[in-house]
């Protein structure tokens, strides 16, 4: 059994790269990438920044964790998973369930109303939305992580080195554009895309 990685590699060039040549597969290193492409090849990368998807939320004097699954910053609609007391140092399967009756959640200045809930899964409507919601996620969120990595991970450890801004467009804007503010306060014109999906890692 392969043990999970406990921290990032000191040498990013040693990260593994799966190379597919016809029906043949072999494992190389990311530093080998220039040798794997030739004249006329196109390299496609995902430059969407990672939104910190683990939030310590409060409701009526109780504190618990919300792990985001999707974020639509235009409408403020969020989908996520609720966990009871504890943090990432406790194995996910050992975490207690969240409180049974929760009608709203707060993180920072954002208040999210519970629209629908089924067990741990929850759909929320957050206010404010837009740039203020993005800023609150970066201010109060942390990367999702698990018990085999006890030390808190910095956000840069869970995204690609060429990440530029979060993909924060709703499904309805696939044929239009939406300006969203990046964490450093600058505005960038986004290309059409689907709602943000924040990975649990």
Protein backbone atom coordinates (compact mmCIF):
# COMPACT_ATOMS: atom_id res chain seq x y z
CA UNK A 1 0.00 0.00 0.00
CA UNK A 2 1.36 3.44 -0.96
CA UNK A 3 1.43 5.87 1.96
CA UNK A 4 -0.23 9.23 1.25
CA UNK A 5 2.05 12.23 0.92
CA UNK A 6 2.46 14.12 4.19
CA UNK A 7 3.71 17.37 2.62
CA UNK A 8 4.55 18.98 -0.69
CA UNK A 9 7.71 18.05 -2.60
CA UNK A 10 10.67 20.34 -2.03
CA UNK A 11 11.54 19.94 -5.71
CA UNK A 12 8.41 20.47 -7.84
CA UNK A 13 10.26 19.15 -10.86
CA UNK A 14 10.13 15.69 -9.28
CA UNK A 15 6.30 15.60 -9.39
CA UNK A 16 5.13 12.62 -11.42
CA UNK A 17 3.86 13.00 -14.98
CA UNK A 18 1.81 10.33 -16.76
CA UNK A 19 2.79 10.15 -20.43
CA UNK A 20 0.40 8.52 -22.94
CA UNK A 21 1.83 7.56 -26.32
CA UNK A 22 -0.73 5.66 -28.34
CA UNK A 23 -1.62 2.69 -26.13
CA UNK A 24 1.60 2.89 -24.14
CA UNK A 25 1.75 4.52 -20.71
CA UNK A 26 4.81 5.44 -18.72
CA UNK A 27 5.59 7.64 -15.73
CA UNK A 28 7.99 10.55 -16.09
CA UNK A 29 8.67 13.68 -14.05
CA UNK A 30 7.19 17.12 -14.63
CA UNK A 31 10.65 18.43 -15.56
CA UNK A 32 10.50 16.01 -18.53
CA UNK A 33 7.52 17.84 -20.04
CA UNK A 34 9.55 19.86 -22.58
CA UNK A 35 10.83 16.58 -24.04
CA UNK A 36 7.27 15.27 -24.39
CA UNK A 37 6.00 18.05 -26.65
CA UNK A 38 7.06 19.03 -30.12
CA UNK A 39 6.60 21.76 -32.70
CA UNK A 40 2.92 22.53 -33.22
CA UNK A 41 1.76 20.83 -30.01
CA UNK A 42 -0.64 22.76 -27.77
CA UNK A 43 -0.25 22.72 -23.99
CA UNK A 44 -3.54 23.36 -22.15
CA UNK A 45 -3.41 24.27 -18.46
CA UNK A 46 -6.08 25.04 -15.87
CA UNK A 47 -5.24 28.52 -14.58
CA UNK A 48 -8.24 28.83 -12.23
CA UNK A 49 -7.13 29.61 -8.69
CA UNK A 50 -8.28 27.33 -5.86
CA UNK A 51 -10.93 28.75 -3.55
CA UNK A 52 -10.28 27.77 0.10
CA UNK A 53 -13.19 25.40 0.63
CA UNK A 54 -13.08 24.66 4.37
CA UNK A 55 -14.93 27.26 6.46
CA UNK A 56 -15.41 27.53 10.20
CA UNK A 57 -19.01 28.71 10.39
CA UNK A 58 -21.12 29.86 13.33
CA UNK A 59 -24.83 29.54 13.99
CA UNK A 60 -26.61 30.45 17.21
CA UNK A 61 -23.48 30.15 19.33
CA UNK A 62 -22.34 26.84 17.81
CA UNK A 63 -19.27 26.46 15.59
CA UNK A 64 -18.74 23.74 13.00
CA UNK A 65 -17.23 23.18 9.54
CA UNK A 66 -18.67 23.75 6.09
CA UNK A 67 -16.78 22.18 3.16
CA UNK A 68 -17.83 23.80 -0.08
CA UNK A 69 -18.65 21.78 -3.18
CA UNK A 70 -19.78 24.53 -5.59
CA UNK A 71 -19.83 28.32 -5.45
CA UNK A 72 -21.81 30.72 -7.64
CA UNK A 73 -20.56 34.14 -6.58
CA UNK A 74 -23.04 36.05 -8.75
CA UNK A 75 -26.15 34.62 -7.06
CA UNK A 76 -24.48 33.71 -3.77
CA UNK A 77 -25.66 30.12 -4.09
CA UNK A 78 -23.40 27.62 -2.29
CA UNK A 79 -23.47 23.82 -1.99
CA UNK A 80 -21.49 22.05 0.67
CA UNK A 81 -21.09 19.37 3.34
CA UNK A 82 -21.53 20.09 7.05
CA UNK A 83 -19.37 18.52 9.76
CA UNK A 84 -19.76 18.68 13.53
CA UNK A 85 -17.08 19.46 16.09
CA UNK A 86 -13.42 18.78 15.35
CA UNK A 87 -11.01 19.73 12.59
CA UNK A 88 -8.92 18.09 9.87
CA UNK A 89 -6.81 16.29 12.47
CA UNK A 90 -9.81 14.05 13.17
CA UNK A 91 -10.50 11.44 10.50
CA UNK A 92 -13.49 12.39 8.36
CA UNK A 93 -15.33 9.16 9.25
CA UNK A 94 -14.90 9.96 12.96
CA UNK A 95 -16.34 13.46 12.78
CA UNK A 96 -19.71 13.85 14.54
CA UNK A 97 -22.75 15.01 12.56
CA UNK A 98 -23.59 18.71 12.49
CA UNK A 99 -26.47 20.14 14.56
CA UNK A 100 -29.82 18.83 13.37
CA UNK A 101 -31.61 22.17 13.09
CA UNK A 102 -29.63 24.90 11.34
CA UNK A 103 -31.40 27.70 9.45
CA UNK A 104 -28.43 30.01 8.80
CA UNK A 105 -24.62 30.09 8.92
CA UNK A 106 -22.17 32.96 9.33
CA UNK A 107 -18.52 33.41 8.38
CA UNK A 108 -17.14 36.91 8.72
CA UNK A 109 -19.63 39.39 7.31
CA UNK A 110 -21.38 36.75 5.21
CA UNK A 111 -24.68 35.25 6.36
CA UNK A 112 -25.85 32.19 4.43
CA UNK A 113 -29.47 31.06 4.65
CA UNK A 114 -30.15 27.31 4.46
CA UNK A 115 -32.32 26.74 1.38
CA UNK A 116 -32.27 22.94 1.39
CA UNK A 117 -30.61 20.25 3.47
CA UNK A 118 -30.36 16.48 3.21
CA UNK A 119 -28.25 14.95 5.96
CA UNK A 120 -24.82 16.58 5.79
CA UNK A 121 -25.44 18.04 2.32
CA UNK A 122 -26.65 21.63 2.35
CA UNK A 123 -27.63 24.29 -0.17
CA UNK A 124 -27.16 27.89 0.94
CA UNK A 125 -27.97 31.39 -0.26
CA UNK A 126 -25.24 33.79 0.89
CA UNK A 127 -25.33 37.57 1.26
CA UNK A 128 -23.47 39.59 0.27
CA UNK A 129 -22.57 37.92 -3.01
CA UNK A 130 -20.14 38.97 -5.74
CA UNK A 131 -16.74 40.43 -4.87
CA UNK A 132 -17.59 40.60 -1.15
CA UNK A 133 -18.30 36.86 -1.09
CA UNK A 134 -15.01 36.03 -2.86
CA UNK A 135 -13.11 38.24 -0.41
CA UNK A 136 -14.81 36.55 2.57
CA UNK A 137 -13.95 33.07 1.27
CA UNK A 138 -10.27 33.99 1.02
CA UNK A 139 -10.30 35.77 4.38
CA UNK A 140 -12.03 33.01 6.39
CA UNK A 141 -11.54 29.80 4.39
CA UNK A 142 -8.74 27.26 4.46
CA UNK A 143 -7.83 24.44 2.08
CA UNK A 144 -9.67 21.18 2.75
CA UNK A 145 -7.24 18.65 4.19
CA UNK A 146 -7.26 15.34 6.03
CA UNK A 147 -5.84 13.71 9.13
CA UNK A 148 -2.69 12.29 7.50
CA UNK A 149 -1.38 15.88 7.14
CA UNK A 150 -1.57 17.35 10.66
CA UNK A 151 -0.03 20.76 9.89
CA UNK A 152 -2.29 23.38 8.23
CA UNK A 153 -1.61 23.64 4.50
CA UNK A 154 -1.06 27.04 2.88
CA UNK A 155 -3.37 27.78 -0.05
CA UNK A 156 -0.50 27.76 -2.56
CA UNK A 157 0.16 24.11 -1.68
CA UNK A 158 -3.13 22.97 -3.23
CA UNK A 159 -3.16 24.84 -6.52
CA UNK A 160 -1.05 24.99 -9.65
CA UNK A 161 1.85 27.47 -9.86
CA UNK A 162 0.20 29.14 -12.88
CA UNK A 163 -3.16 29.80 -11.15
CA UNK A 164 -4.33 33.35 -11.80
CA UNK A 165 -7.87 33.93 -10.46
CA UNK A 166 -10.80 31.86 -9.20
CA UNK A 167 -13.27 30.55 -11.78
CA UNK A 168 -16.30 32.34 -10.39
CA UNK A 169 -18.82 32.42 -13.21
CA UNK A 170 -22.34 30.96 -12.96
CA UNK A 171 -23.73 28.49 -15.47
CA UNK A 172 -25.97 31.18 -17.01
CA UNK A 173 -22.95 33.23 -18.16
CA UNK A 174 -21.37 30.57 -20.37
CA UNK A 175 -22.05 32.78 -23.41
CA UNK A 176 -21.23 36.06 -21.69
CA UNK A 177 -18.58 37.39 -19.33
CA UNK A 178 -18.47 38.46 -15.71
CA UNK A 179 -15.84 40.62 -14.04
CA UNK A 180 -14.68 39.16 -10.76
CA UNK A 181 -12.21 40.56 -8.26
CA UNK A 182 -9.15 38.49 -7.55
CA UNK A 183 -7.70 38.17 -4.02
CA UNK A 184 -5.22 41.02 -4.64
CA UNK A 185 -8.06 43.41 -5.38
CA UNK A 186 -7.61 43.68 -9.15
CA UNK A 187 -10.44 43.08 -11.55
CA UNK A 188 -10.12 40.73 -14.48
CA UNK A 189 -12.47 39.97 -17.35
CA UNK A 190 -13.37 36.29 -17.19
CA UNK A 191 -13.98 33.89 -20.03
CA UNK A 192 -17.32 32.02 -20.05
CA UNK A 193 -17.41 28.95 -17.85
CA UNK A 194 -19.48 26.88 -15.42
CA UNK A 195 -19.91 27.56 -11.69
CA UNK A 196 -16.85 27.33 -9.52
CA UNK A 197 -16.14 23.84 -8.26
CA UNK A 198 -13.88 23.82 -5.26
CA UNK A 199 -11.92 20.65 -4.83
CA UNK A 200 -11.60 18.94 -1.50
CA UNK A 201 -7.87 18.81 -1.22
